[in-house]
PDB file of N, CA and C in Angstrom:
ATOM      1  N   MET A   1     114.321 121.467 103.245  1.00  0.00           N
ATOM      2  CA  MET A   1     114.048 120.953 102.383  1.00  0.00           C
ATOM      3  C   MET A   1     112.542 120.190 104.058  1.00  0.00           C
ATOM      4  N   LYS A   2     111.509 120.366 103.097  1.00  0.00           N
ATOM      5  CA  LYS A   2     110.134 120.435 104.067  1.00  0.00           C
ATOM      6  C   LYS A   2     109.273 119.611 103.800  1.00  0.00           C
ATOM      7  N   ILE A   3     108.247 118.401 104.461  1.00  0.00           N
ATOM      8  CA  ILE A   3     107.603 118.082 104.603  1.00  0.00           C
ATOM      9  C   ILE A   3     106.223 118.687 103.983  1.00  0.00           C
ATOM     10  N   ARG A   4     105.702 118.478 102.326  1.00  0.00           N
ATOM     11  CA  ARG A   4     104.816 119.725 101.998  1.00  0.00           C
ATOM     12  C   ARG A   4     103.457 118.738 101.704  1.00  0.00           C
ATOM     13  N   TYR A   5     103.463 117.343 101.234  1.00  0.00           N
ATOM     14  CA  TYR A   5     102.190 116.297 101.224  1.00  0.00           C
ATOM     15  C   TYR A   5     102.299 114.914 101.448  1.00  0.00           C
ATOM     16  N   VAL A   6     101.629 114.616 102.159  1.00  0.00           N
ATOM     17  CA  VAL A   6     101.544 113.397 102.560  1.00  0.00           C
ATOM     18  C   VAL A   6     100.367 113.152 101.217  1.00  0.00           C
ATOM     19  N   ILE A   7     100.994 112.066 100.496  1.00  0.00           N
ATOM     20  CA  ILE A   7      99.560 111.862  99.024  1.00  0.00           C
ATOM     21  C   ILE A   7      99.286 110.478  99.531  1.00  0.00           C
ATOM     22  N   LYS A   8      97.773 109.980  99.522  1.00  0.00           N
ATOM     23  CA  LYS A   8      97.175 108.600  99.917  1.00  0.00           C
ATOM     24  C   LYS A   8      96.467 108.536  98.711  1.00  0.00           C
ATOM     25  N   TYR A   9      96.567 107.040  98.458  1.00  0.00           N
ATOM     26  CA  TYR A   9      96.258 106.539  96.705  1.00  0.00           C
ATOM     27  C   TYR A   9      94.677 105.721  97.398  1.00  0.00           C
ATOM     28  N   VAL A  10      93.944 106.317  97.052  1.00  0.00           N
ATOM     29  CA  VAL A  10      92.044 105.393  97.076  1.00  0.00           C
ATOM     30  C   VAL A  10      91.675 104.872  96.012  1.00  0.00           C
ATOM     31  N   ALA A  11      91.278 104.119  96.125  1.00  0.00           N
ATOM     32  CA  ALA A  11      89.892 103.268  95.483  1.00  0.00           C
ATOM     33  C   ALA A  11      89.074 103.845  95.392  1.00  0.00           C
ATOM     34  N   ASP A  12      88.808 104.291  96.330  1.00  0.00           N
ATOM     35  CA  ASP A  12      86.924 105.576  96.252  1.00  0.00           C
ATOM     36  C   ASP A  12      87.064 106.782  96.393  1.00  0.00           C
ATOM     37  N   MET A  13      86.439 107.501  95.903  1.00  0.00           N
ATOM     38  CA  MET A  13      87.528 109.233  96.803  1.00  0.00           C
ATOM     39  C   MET A  13      86.427 109.543  97.379  1.00  0.00           C
ATOM     40  N   ASP A  14      85.206 109.562  96.604  1.00  0.00           N
ATOM     41  CA  ASP A  14      83.284 109.691  97.999  1.00  0.00           C
ATOM     42  C   ASP A  14      83.882 108.698  98.969  1.00  0.00           C
ATOM     43  N   ALA A  15      84.369 107.656  99.551  1.00  0.00           N
ATOM     44  CA  ALA A  15      84.402 106.885 100.659  1.00  0.00           C
ATOM     45  C   ALA A  15      85.717 107.610 101.193  1.00  0.00           C
ATOM     46  N   ALA A  16      87.374 108.141 100.792  1.00  0.00           N
ATOM     47  CA  ALA A  16      87.851 108.601 101.652  1.00  0.00           C
ATOM     48  C   ALA A  16      87.719 109.884 102.105  1.00  0.00           C
ATOM     49  N   VAL A  17      86.951 111.146 101.403  1.00  0.00           N
ATOM     50  CA  VAL A  17      86.522 111.769 101.366  1.00  0.00           C
ATOM     51  C   VAL A  17      85.427 111.979 102.680  1.00  0.00           C
ATOM     52  N   ALA A  18      84.725 111.107 103.098  1.00  0.00           N
ATOM     53  CA  ALA A  18      83.567 110.882 103.774  1.00  0.00           C
ATOM     54  C   ALA A  18      84.400 110.507 105.086  1.00  0.00           C
ATOM     55  N   PHE A  19      85.252 109.888 104.976  1.00  0.00           N
ATOM     56  CA  PHE A  19      86.301 108.766 106.031  1.00  0.00           C
ATOM     57  C   PHE A  19      86.852 110.394 106.589  1.00  0.00           C
ATOM     58  N   HIS A  20      87.839 111.111 105.699  1.00  0.00           N
ATOM     59  CA  HIS A  20      88.457 112.152 106.696  1.00  0.00           C
ATOM     60  C   HIS A  20      87.734 113.257 107.167  1.00  0.00           C
ATOM     61  N   ARG A  21      86.921 113.797 106.277  1.00  0.00           N
ATOM     62  CA  ARG A  21      86.185 115.010 106.374  1.00  0.00           C
ATOM     63  C   ARG A  21      85.004 114.567 108.023  1.00  0.00           C
ATOM     64  N   ASP A  22      83.622 113.276 107.621  1.00  0.00           N
ATOM     65  CA  ASP A  22      82.955 113.068 109.101  1.00  0.00           C
ATOM     66  C   ASP A  22      83.627 112.435 110.048  1.00  0.00           C
ATOM     67  N   ARG A  23      84.788 111.384 109.638  1.00  0.00           N
ATOM     68  CA  ARG A  23      84.785 110.553 111.157  1.00  0.00           C
ATOM     69  C   ARG A  23      86.689 111.471 111.765  1.00  0.00           C
ATOM     70  N   LEU A  24      86.357 111.542 110.953  1.00  0.00           N
ATOM     71  CA  LEU A  24      88.071 112.371 111.282  1.00  0.00           C
ATOM     72  C   LEU A  24      88.062 113.697 111.660  1.00  0.00           C
ATOM     73  N   GLY A  25      87.578 114.297 110.680  1.00  0.00           N
ATOM     74  CA  GLY A  25      86.992 115.862 111.428  1.00  0.00           C
ATOM     75  C   GLY A  25      88.262 116.873 110.421  1.00  0.00           C
ATOM     76  N   LEU A  26      88.357 116.023 109.263  1.00  0.00           N
ATOM     77  CA  LEU A  26      89.990 117.056 108.654  1.00  0.00           C
ATOM     78  C   LEU A  26      88.771 117.924 107.793  1.00  0.00           C
ATOM     79  N   SER A  27      89.601 119.320 107.801  1.00  0.00           N
ATOM     80  CA  SER A  27      89.172 120.580 106.947  1.00  0.00           C
ATOM     81  C   SER A  27      89.146 120.475 105.588  1.00  0.00           C
ATOM     82  N   MET A  28      88.778 120.168 105.189  1.00  0.00           N
ATOM     83  CA  MET A  28      88.651 120.359 102.860  1.00  0.00           C
ATOM     84  C   MET A  28      89.771 121.332 102.321  1.00  0.00           C
ATOM     85  N   ARG A  29      90.322 121.740 102.064  1.00  0.00           N
ATOM     86  CA  ARG A  29      90.663 122.314 101.162  1.00  0.00           C
ATOM     87  C   ARG A  29      89.944 122.772  99.794  1.00  0.00           C
ATOM     88  N   PHE A  30      90.249 121.255  99.477  1.00  0.00           N
ATOM     89  CA  PHE A  30      89.806 121.491  97.643  1.00  0.00           C
ATOM     90  C   PHE A  30      89.416 119.725  97.499  1.00  0.00           C
ATOM     91  N   ALA A  31      88.322 119.548  96.619  1.00  0.00           N
ATOM     92  CA  ALA A  31      87.860 118.267  96.425  1.00  0.00           C
ATOM     93  C   ALA A  31      87.343 118.064  94.618  1.00  0.00           C
ATOM     94  N   SER A  32      87.804 117.004  93.686  1.00  0.00           N
ATOM     95  CA  SER A  32      87.322 116.812  92.655  1.00  0.00           C
ATOM     96  C   SER A  32      87.321 115.065  92.720  1.00  0.00           C
ATOM     97  N   SER A  33      87.198 114.780  90.869  1.00  0.00           N
ATOM     98  CA  SER A  33      87.510 112.976  91.162  1.00  0.00           C
ATOM     99  C   SER A  33      88.510 112.152  91.357  1.00  0.00           C
ATOM    100  N   HIS A  34      89.430 113.030  91.437  1.00  0.00           N
ATOM    101  CA  HIS A  34      90.864 112.410  90.718  1.00  0.00           C
ATOM    102  C   HIS A  34      91.519 113.329  92.057  1.00  0.00           C
ATOM    103  N   TRP A  35      91.579 114.740  93.149  1.00  0.00           N
ATOM    104  CA  TRP A  35      92.366 114.883  93.539  1.00  0.00           C
ATOM    105  C   TRP A  35      91.489 115.893  94.743  1.00  0.00           C
ATOM    106  N   THR A  36      91.860 115.562  96.073  1.00  0.00           N
ATOM    107  CA  THR A  36      91.147 116.065  96.972  1.00  0.00           C
ATOM    108  C   THR A  36      92.176 116.220  97.969  1.00  0.00           C
ATOM    109  N   GLU A  37      92.088 117.539  99.050  1.00  0.00           N
ATOM    110  CA  GLU A  37      93.550 117.776  99.686  1.00  0.00           C
ATOM    111  C   GLU A  37      92.881 118.063 101.478  1.00  0.00           C
ATOM    112  N   PHE A  38      93.276 118.161 102.486  1.00  0.00           N
ATOM    113  CA  PHE A  38      92.557 118.281 103.819  1.00  0.00           C
ATOM    114  C   PHE A  38      93.755 119.493 104.196  1.00  0.00           C
ATOM    115  N   ASP A  39      93.487 120.198 105.019  1.00  0.00           N
ATOM    116  CA  ASP A  39      94.429 120.672 105.924  1.00  0.00           C
ATOM    117  C   ASP A  39      95.268 119.652 107.334  1.00  0.00           C
ATOM    118  N   GLY A  40      96.157 119.158 107.173  1.00  0.00           N
ATOM    119  CA  GLY A  40      96.915 118.651 108.648  1.00  0.00           C
ATOM    120  C   GLY A  40      97.493 119.434 109.536  1.00  0.00           C
ATOM    121  N   GLY A  41      97.544 120.756 109.082  1.00  0.00           N
ATOM    122  CA  GLY A  41      98.133 120.582 110.424  1.00  0.00           C
ATOM    123  C   GLY A  41      99.354 120.879 109.956  1.00  0.00           C
ATOM    124  N   GLY A  42      99.548 122.006 109.161  1.00  0.00           N
ATOM    125  CA  GLY A  42     101.299 122.432 108.308  1.00  0.00           C
ATOM    126  C   GLY A  42     101.397 121.316 107.426  1.00  0.00           C
ATOM    127  N   VAL A  43     101.188 120.230 107.154  1.00  0.00           N
ATOM    128  CA  VAL A  43     101.436 118.908 105.910  1.00  0.00           C
ATOM    129  C   VAL A  43     100.201 118.703 105.603  1.00  0.00           C
ATOM    130  N   THR A  44      99.589 118.712 104.483  1.00  0.00           N
ATOM    131  CA  THR A  44      98.564 119.054 103.363  1.00  0.00           C
ATOM    132  C   THR A  44      98.388 117.042 102.698  1.00  0.00           C
ATOM    133  N   LEU A  45      97.140 116.992 103.671  1.00  0.00           N
ATOM    134  CA  LEU A  45      96.731 115.488 103.179  1.00  0.00           C
ATOM    135  C   LEU A  45      96.449 115.474 101.810  1.00  0.00           C
ATOM    136  N   ALA A  46      96.277 115.156 100.839  1.00  0.00           N
ATOM    137  CA  ALA A  46      96.022 114.325  99.314  1.00  0.00           C
ATOM    138  C   ALA A  46      95.498 113.289  99.475  1.00  0.00           C
ATOM    139  N   LEU A  47      94.179 113.114  98.336  1.00  0.00           N
ATOM    140  CA  LEU A  47      93.830 112.070  98.476  1.00  0.00           C
ATOM    141  C   LEU A  47      94.137 111.642  96.593  1.00  0.00           C
ATOM    142  N   HIS A  48      94.506 110.955  96.089  1.00  0.00           N
ATOM    143  CA  HIS A  48      94.683 110.638  94.905  1.00  0.00           C
ATOM    144  C   HIS A  48      94.268 109.198  94.332  1.00  0.00           C
ATOM    145  N   ILE A  49      93.280 109.306  93.068  1.00  0.00           N
ATOM    146  CA  ILE A  49      92.761 108.225  92.639  1.00  0.00           C
ATOM    147  C   ILE A  49      94.069 106.950  92.695  1.00  0.00           C
ATOM    148  N   ALA A  50      93.863 105.729  92.421  1.00  0.00           N
ATOM    149  CA  ALA A  50      94.351 105.109  92.746  1.00  0.00           C
ATOM    150  C   ALA A  50      94.488 104.281  91.467  1.00  0.00           C
ATOM    151  N   SER A  51      95.644 104.140  90.608  1.00  0.00           N
ATOM    152  CA  SER A  51      95.454 103.097  89.602  1.00  0.00           C
ATOM    153  C   SER A  51      97.081 101.868  89.307  1.00  0.00           C
ATOM    154  N   PRO A  52      96.995 101.361  88.529  1.00  0.00           N
ATOM    155  CA  PRO A  52      97.724  99.921  88.399  1.00  0.00           C
ATOM    156  C   PRO A  52      99.371 100.272  89.548  1.00  0.00           C
ATOM    157  N   ASP A  53      99.751 101.258  88.604  1.00  0.00           N
ATOM    158  CA  ASP A  53     101.266 101.685  89.485  1.00  0.00           C
ATOM    159  C   ASP A  53     100.920 102.491  90.751  1.00  0.00           C
ATOM    160  N   LYS A  54     100.030 102.801  90.937  1.00  0.00           N
ATOM    161  CA  LYS A  54      99.708 103.601  92.657  1.00  0.00           C
ATOM    162  C   LYS A  54      98.574 102.499  93.129  1.00  0.00           C
ATOM    163  N   PRO A  55      98.426 101.909  93.869  1.00  0.00           N
ATOM    164  CA  PRO A  55      97.748 101.351  94.098  1.00  0.00           C
ATOM    165  C   PRO A  55      96.546 101.738  95.213  1.00  0.00           C
ATOM    166  N   ALA A  56      95.771 101.457  95.546  1.00  0.00           N
ATOM    167  CA  ALA A  56      94.796 102.070  96.781  1.00  0.00           C
ATOM    168  C   ALA A  56      95.719 101.671  97.822  1.00  0.00           C
ATOM    169  N   GLY A  57      95.623 102.338  98.880  1.00  0.00           N
ATOM    170  CA  GLY A  57      96.442 101.796  99.839  1.00  0.00           C
ATOM    171  C   GLY A  57      97.638 102.467 100.373  1.00  0.00           C
ATOM    172  N   GLY A  58      98.103 102.436  98.934  1.00  0.00           N
ATOM    173  CA  GLY A  58      99.616 103.202  99.548  1.00  0.00           C
ATOM    174  C   GLY A  58      99.790 104.442  99.617  1.00  0.00           C
ATOM    175  N   ALA A  59     100.953 105.270  99.848  1.00  0.00           N
ATOM    176  CA  ALA A  59     101.102 106.456  99.751  1.00  0.00           C
ATOM    177  C   ALA A  59     102.422 107.099  99.510  1.00  0.00           C
ATOM    178  N   GLN A  60     102.316 108.606  99.083  1.00  0.00           N
ATOM    179  CA  GLN A  60     103.873 109.043  98.610  1.00  0.00           C
ATOM    180  C   GLN A  60     103.898 110.494  99.360  1.00  0.00           C
ATOM    181  N   ILE A  61     105.630 110.431  99.545  1.00  0.00           N
ATOM    182  CA  ILE A  61     105.592 112.121 100.576  1.00  0.00           C
ATOM    183  C   ILE A  61     106.249 112.986  99.269  1.00  0.00           C
ATOM    184  N   GLY A  62     105.402 114.336  99.607  1.00  0.00           N
ATOM    185  CA  GLY A  62     105.605 115.470  98.431  1.00  0.00           C
ATOM    186  C   GLY A  62     106.354 115.838  99.306  1.00  0.00           C
ATOM    187  N   TYR A  63     107.732 116.169  99.157  1.00  0.00           N
ATOM    188  CA  TYR A  63     108.878 117.216  99.749  1.00  0.00           C
ATOM    189  C   TYR A  63     108.307 118.932  99.193  1.00  0.00           C
ATOM    190  N   HIS A  64     109.377 120.004 100.156  1.00  0.00           N
ATOM    191  CA  HIS A  64     109.214 121.229  98.763  1.00  0.00           C
ATOM    192  C   HIS A  64     110.767 121.634  99.561  1.00  0.00           C
ATOM    193  N   SER A  65     111.566 121.859  98.485  1.00  0.00           N
ATOM    194  CA  SER A  65     112.632 122.582  98.359  1.00  0.00           C
ATOM    195  C   SER A  65     112.861 123.809  97.828  1.00  0.00           C
ATOM    196  N   ASP A  66     113.714 124.609  98.857  1.00  0.00           N
ATOM    197  CA  ASP A  66     113.701 126.141  98.074  1.00  0.00           C
ATOM    198  C   ASP A  66     114.701 126.284  97.062  1.00  0.00           C
ATOM    199  N   ASP A  67     115.297 125.169  96.651  1.00  0.00           N
ATOM    200  CA  ASP A  67     116.371 125.228  95.158  1.00  0.00           C
ATOM    201  C   ASP A  67     115.957 124.133  94.657  1.00  0.00           C
ATOM    202  N   LEU A  68     115.032 123.979  93.962  1.00  0.00           N
ATOM    203  CA  LEU A  68     114.669 122.564  93.474  1.00  0.00           C
ATOM    204  C   LEU A  68     116.015 122.070  92.751  1.00  0.00           C
ATOM    205  N   GLU A  69     116.449 123.036  91.670  1.00  0.00           N
ATOM    206  CA  GLU A  69     117.680 122.930  90.714  1.00  0.00           C
ATOM    207  C   GLU A  69     118.890 122.353  91.309  1.00  0.00           C
ATOM    208  N   ALA A  70     119.897 123.296  92.526  1.00  0.00           N
ATOM    209  CA  ALA A  70     120.351 122.940  92.897  1.00  0.00           C
ATOM    210  C   ALA A  70     120.000 121.620  93.786  1.00  0.00           C
ATOM    211  N   PHE A  71     119.254 121.414  94.684  1.00  0.00           N
ATOM    212  CA  PHE A  71     118.804 119.750  94.965  1.00  0.00           C
ATOM    213  C   PHE A  71     119.397 118.823  93.333  1.00  0.00           C
ATOM    214  N   TYR A  72     118.878 118.872  92.743  1.00  0.00           N
ATOM    215  CA  TYR A  72     119.009 117.992  91.816  1.00  0.00           C
ATOM    216  C   TYR A  72     120.251 117.863  91.305  1.00  0.00           C
ATOM    217  N   ALA A  73     121.160 118.873  91.452  1.00  0.00           N
ATOM    218  CA  ALA A  73     122.465 118.818  90.576  1.00  0.00           C
ATOM    219  C   ALA A  73     123.456 118.060  91.413  1.00  0.00           C
ATOM    220  N   ALA A  74     122.975 118.166  93.192  1.00  0.00           N
ATOM    221  CA  ALA A  74     123.516 117.468  93.773  1.00  0.00           C
ATOM    222  C   ALA A  74     122.851 116.362  94.211  1.00  0.00           C
ATOM    223  N   ARG A  75     122.356 115.400  92.886  1.00  0.00           N
ATOM    224  CA  ARG A  75     122.326 114.391  93.187  1.00  0.00           C
ATOM    225  C   ARG A  75     122.816 113.390  93.674  1.00  0.00           C
ATOM    226  N   ASP A  76     124.129 113.480  92.741  1.00  0.00           N
ATOM    227  CA  ASP A  76     124.946 112.195  92.891  1.00  0.00           C
ATOM    228  C   ASP A  76     125.888 112.659  94.176  1.00  0.00           C
ATOM    229  N   GLN A  77     126.030 113.755  94.529  1.00  0.00           N
ATOM    230  CA  GLN A  77     127.125 113.578  95.946  1.00  0.00           C
ATOM    231  C   GLN A  77     126.173 113.610  96.739  1.00  0.00           C
ATOM    232  N   LEU A  78     124.501 113.407  96.853  1.00  0.00           N
ATOM    233  CA  LEU A  78     123.574 112.896  97.693  1.00  0.00           C
ATOM    234  C   LEU A  78     123.629 111.737  97.737  1.00  0.00           C
ATOM    235  N   GLY A  79     123.678 111.041  97.019  1.00  0.00           N
ATOM    236  CA  GLY A  79     123.527 109.930  96.980  1.00  0.00           C
ATOM    237  C   GLY A  79     121.864 109.187  96.705  1.00  0.00           C
ATOM    238  N   VAL A  80     120.976 110.612  95.591  1.00  0.00           N
ATOM    239  CA  VAL A  80     119.914 110.508  95.680  1.00  0.00           C
ATOM    240  C   VAL A  80     119.848 109.783  93.969  1.00  0.00           C
ATOM    241  N   THR A  81     118.762 109.228  93.746  1.00  0.00           N
ATOM    242  CA  THR A  81     118.381 108.376  92.110  1.00  0.00           C
ATOM    243  C   THR A  81     117.149 108.728  92.485  1.00  0.00           C
ATOM    244  N   PHE A  82     116.935 109.942  90.823  1.00  0.00           N
ATOM    245  CA  PHE A  82     115.626 110.630  90.705  1.00  0.00           C
ATOM    246  C   PHE A  82     115.213 109.587  89.488  1.00  0.00           C
ATOM    247  N   THR A  83     113.796 109.330  89.745  1.00  0.00           N
ATOM    248  CA  THR A  83     113.409 109.234  88.489  1.00  0.00           C
ATOM    249  C   THR A  83     112.578 109.661  87.408  1.00  0.00           C
ATOM    250  N   ASP A  84     112.738 110.939  87.840  1.00  0.00           N
ATOM    251  CA  ASP A  84     112.175 112.021  86.707  1.00  0.00           C
ATOM    252  C   ASP A  84     112.917 113.048  86.956  1.00  0.00           C
ATOM    253  N   PRO A  85     113.175 113.872  86.174  1.00  0.00           N
ATOM    254  CA  PRO A  85     114.243 115.271  86.501  1.00  0.00           C
ATOM    255  C   PRO A  85     113.338 116.571  86.516  1.00  0.00           C
ATOM    256  N   PRO A  86     113.272 117.565  87.509  1.00  0.00           N
ATOM    257  CA  PRO A  86     112.291 118.551  87.494  1.00  0.00           C
ATOM    258  C   PRO A  86     112.144 119.263  86.192  1.00  0.00           C
ATOM    259  N   ARG A  87     110.305 118.802  85.787  1.00  0.00           N
ATOM    260  CA  ARG A  87     109.576 119.630  85.115  1.00  0.00           C
ATOM    261  C   ARG A  87     108.366 120.269  85.049  1.00  0.00           C
ATOM    262  N   ASP A  88     107.722 121.018  84.358  1.00  0.00           N
ATOM    263  CA  ASP A  88     106.407 121.455  84.838  1.00  0.00           C
ATOM    264  C   ASP A  88     105.289 120.377  85.210  1.00  0.00           C
ATOM    265  N   GLN A  89     104.848 120.715  85.908  1.00  0.00           N
ATOM    266  CA  GLN A  89     103.816 119.261  85.993  1.00  0.00           C
ATOM    267  C   GLN A  89     102.471 119.925  87.199  1.00  0.00           C
ATOM    268  N   HIS A  90     101.375 119.729  86.981  1.00  0.00           N
ATOM    269  CA  HIS A  90     100.513 120.207  87.402  1.00  0.00           C
ATOM    270  C   HIS A  90     100.550 122.148  87.665  1.00  0.00           C
ATOM    271  N   GLY A  91     101.264 122.807  86.937  1.00  0.00           N
ATOM    272  CA  GLY A  91     101.204 124.566  87.388  1.00  0.00           C
ATOM    273  C   GLY A  91     102.529 124.702  88.707  1.00  0.00           C
ATOM    274  N   ALA A  92     103.438 123.525  88.696  1.00  0.00           N
ATOM    275  CA  ALA A  92     104.293 123.551  89.197  1.00  0.00           C
ATOM    276  C   ALA A  92     105.681 122.921  88.938  1.00  0.00           C
ATOM    277  N   LYS A  93     107.154 123.182  89.137  1.00  0.00           N
ATOM    278  CA  LYS A  93     108.057 122.695  88.982  1.00  0.00           C
ATOM    279  C   LYS A  93     107.972 120.971  89.529  1.00  0.00           C
ATOM    280  N   ILE A  94     108.208 120.171  89.709  1.00  0.00           N
ATOM    281  CA  ILE A  94     107.969 118.622  90.272  1.00  0.00           C
ATOM    282  C   ILE A  94     108.639 117.836  89.604  1.00  0.00           C
ATOM    283  N   ALA A  95     109.776 116.870  90.745  1.00  0.00           N
ATOM    284  CA  ALA A  95     110.690 116.242  90.595  1.00  0.00           C
ATOM    285  C   ALA A  95     110.310 114.567  91.015  1.00  0.00           C
ATOM    286  N   ARG A  96     111.176 113.853  90.798  1.00  0.00           N
ATOM    287  CA  ARG A  96     110.850 112.534  92.028  1.00  0.00           C
ATOM    288  C   ARG A  96     111.664 111.753  91.999  1.00  0.00           C
ATOM    289  N   PHE A  97     112.479 111.061  92.790  1.00  0.00           N
ATOM    290  CA  PHE A  97     113.382 110.494  93.883  1.00  0.00           C
ATOM    291  C   PHE A  97     113.335 109.363  94.249  1.00  0.00           C
ATOM    292  N   LEU A  98     114.101 108.468  94.425  1.00  0.00           N
ATOM    293  CA  LEU A  98     113.458 107.474  95.601  1.00  0.00           C
ATOM    294  C   LEU A  98     113.914 107.552  96.980  1.00  0.00           C
ATOM    295  N   ASP A  99     113.619 106.506  97.184  1.00  0.00           N
ATOM    296  CA  ASP A  99     113.958 107.197  99.655  1.00  0.00           C
ATOM    297  C   ASP A  99     115.039 105.904  99.648  1.00  0.00           C
ATOM    298  N   SER A 100     115.272 106.189 100.824  1.00  0.00           N
ATOM    299  CA  SER A 100     116.471 104.727 100.887  1.00  0.00           C
ATOM    300  C   SER A 100     115.617 103.136 101.035  1.00  0.00           C
ATOM    301  N   GLU A 101     114.741 103.485 100.725  1.00  0.00           N
ATOM    302  CA  GLU A 101     113.859 101.668 100.854  1.00  0.00           C
ATOM    303  C   GLU A 101     113.321 101.720  99.849  1.00  0.00           C
ATOM    304  N   GLY A 102     113.538 102.540  98.517  1.00  0.00           N
ATOM    305  CA  GLY A 102     112.841 102.436  96.914  1.00  0.00           C
ATOM    306  C   GLY A 102     112.123 103.309  96.577  1.00  0.00           C
ATOM    307  N   ALA A 103     111.074 103.621  97.494  1.00  0.00           N
ATOM    308  CA  ALA A 103     109.541 104.449  97.448  1.00  0.00           C
ATOM    309  C   ALA A 103     110.343 105.631  96.797  1.00  0.00           C
ATOM    310  N   GLU A 104     109.444 106.387  95.694  1.00  0.00           N
ATOM    311  CA  GLU A 104     109.109 107.071  94.929  1.00  0.00           C
ATOM    312  C   GLU A 104     108.718 108.150  95.478  1.00  0.00           C
ATOM    313  N   CYS A 105     109.342 109.350  96.015  1.00  0.00           N
ATOM    314  CA  CYS A 105     108.805 110.725  96.460  1.00  0.00           C
ATOM    315  C   CYS A 105     108.835 111.768  95.532  1.00  0.00           C
ATOM    316  N   SER A 106     108.216 112.709  95.811  1.00  0.00           N
ATOM    317  CA  SER A 106     108.170 114.438  95.129  1.00  0.00           C
ATOM    318  C   SER A 106     108.335 115.106  95.830  1.00  0.00           C
ATOM    319  N   VAL A 107     109.127 116.401  94.822  1.00  0.00           N
ATOM    320  CA  VAL A 107     109.825 117.583  95.874  1.00  0.00           C
ATOM    321  C   VAL A 107     109.373 118.494  94.701  1.00  0.00           C
ATOM    322  N   GLY A 108     109.061 119.525  94.770  1.00  0.00           N
ATOM    323  CA  GLY A 108     108.437 120.582  94.248  1.00  0.00           C
ATOM    324  C   GLY A 108     109.147 121.584  94.644  1.00  0.00           C
ATOM    325  N   GLY A 109     109.510 122.684  93.873  1.00  0.00           N
ATOM    326  CA  GLY A 109     110.471 123.815  94.328  1.00  0.00           C
ATOM    327  C   GLY A 109     109.590 125.298  93.693  1.00  0.00           C
TER     328      GLY A 109
END
């Protein structure tokens, strides 16, 4: 398991991009009105437009598993509660689970 993304939910994409690019000096990989990626030095910082269920200021960790199906199959043995099973999303297979504090995380394979 590796950390692949930190997803930061923002209310104003233009202001958030300007802050991370111009003030923090992060190198931008990709930008759109709802999703922007920065090179975080081994982990991607992704800005995502906020929504009622994912308010501005919140964040989510995105993991990567070399065998997502095996991780999902072992969920009961590992004591991991999934909120969304592995399925094709955004051009990749992604699942969602809850961490020890009840925060939702994503994992791709």
